[in-house]
Protein backbone atom coordinates (compact mmCIF):
# COMPACT_ATOMS: atom_id res chain seq x y z
CA UNK A 1 37.71 18.63 -52.55
CA UNK A 2 35.46 15.62 -52.65
CA UNK A 3 32.18 17.56 -52.17
CA UNK A 4 32.04 18.46 -55.86
CA UNK A 5 32.53 14.84 -56.87
CA UNK A 6 29.88 13.61 -54.41
CA UNK A 7 27.39 16.18 -55.70
CA UNK A 8 27.91 15.18 -59.34
CA UNK A 9 27.62 11.45 -58.49
CA UNK A 10 24.45 12.13 -56.50
CA UNK A 11 22.86 14.01 -59.43
CA UNK A 12 23.90 11.19 -61.79
CA UNK A 13 22.32 8.58 -59.46
CA UNK A 14 19.02 10.47 -59.24
CA UNK A 15 18.96 10.93 -63.03
CA UNK A 16 19.36 7.16 -63.52
CA UNK A 17 16.70 6.33 -60.94
CA UNK A 18 14.24 8.80 -62.40
CA UNK A 19 15.06 7.72 -65.95
CA UNK A 20 15.62 11.31 -67.10
CA UNK A 21 19.31 11.12 -67.94
CA UNK A 22 22.25 8.89 -68.55
CA UNK A 23 23.83 9.58 -65.16
CA UNK A 24 27.20 10.55 -66.56
CA UNK A 25 29.95 12.11 -64.42
CA UNK A 26 32.87 13.72 -66.21
CA UNK A 27 35.79 12.86 -63.95
CA UNK A 28 38.23 14.89 -66.05
CA UNK A 29 36.64 18.14 -64.80
CA UNK A 30 36.88 17.20 -61.10
CA UNK A 31 40.00 18.60 -59.44
CA UNK A 32 42.33 16.39 -57.43
CA UNK A 33 44.78 17.28 -54.70
CA UNK A 34 47.51 15.55 -52.69
CA UNK A 35 47.97 17.13 -49.25
CA UNK A 36 51.72 16.99 -48.88
CA UNK A 37 54.33 19.68 -48.42
CA UNK A 38 54.33 21.25 -50.99
CA UNK A 39 50.73 20.51 -52.03
CA UNK A 40 50.08 19.05 -55.49
CA UNK A 41 46.86 19.69 -57.41
CA UNK A 42 45.60 19.09 -60.90
CA UNK A 43 42.51 19.06 -63.13
CA UNK A 44 41.92 17.77 -66.65
CA UNK A 45 44.09 15.55 -68.79
CA UNK A 46 47.74 14.79 -68.25
CA UNK A 47 50.39 15.61 -70.79
CA UNK A 48 50.48 11.98 -71.95
CA UNK A 49 46.64 11.87 -72.43
């Protein structure tokens, strides 16, 4: 689950170093999961947001 986040952060870092982008990572589009029984997962904004 964290590979997608790491890839986006790596691209953002390289963009900032190269000066070709703002290095933004949209954390709302990265899924999250809690490994319990039963498993819980989510992506995007919460109902309150």
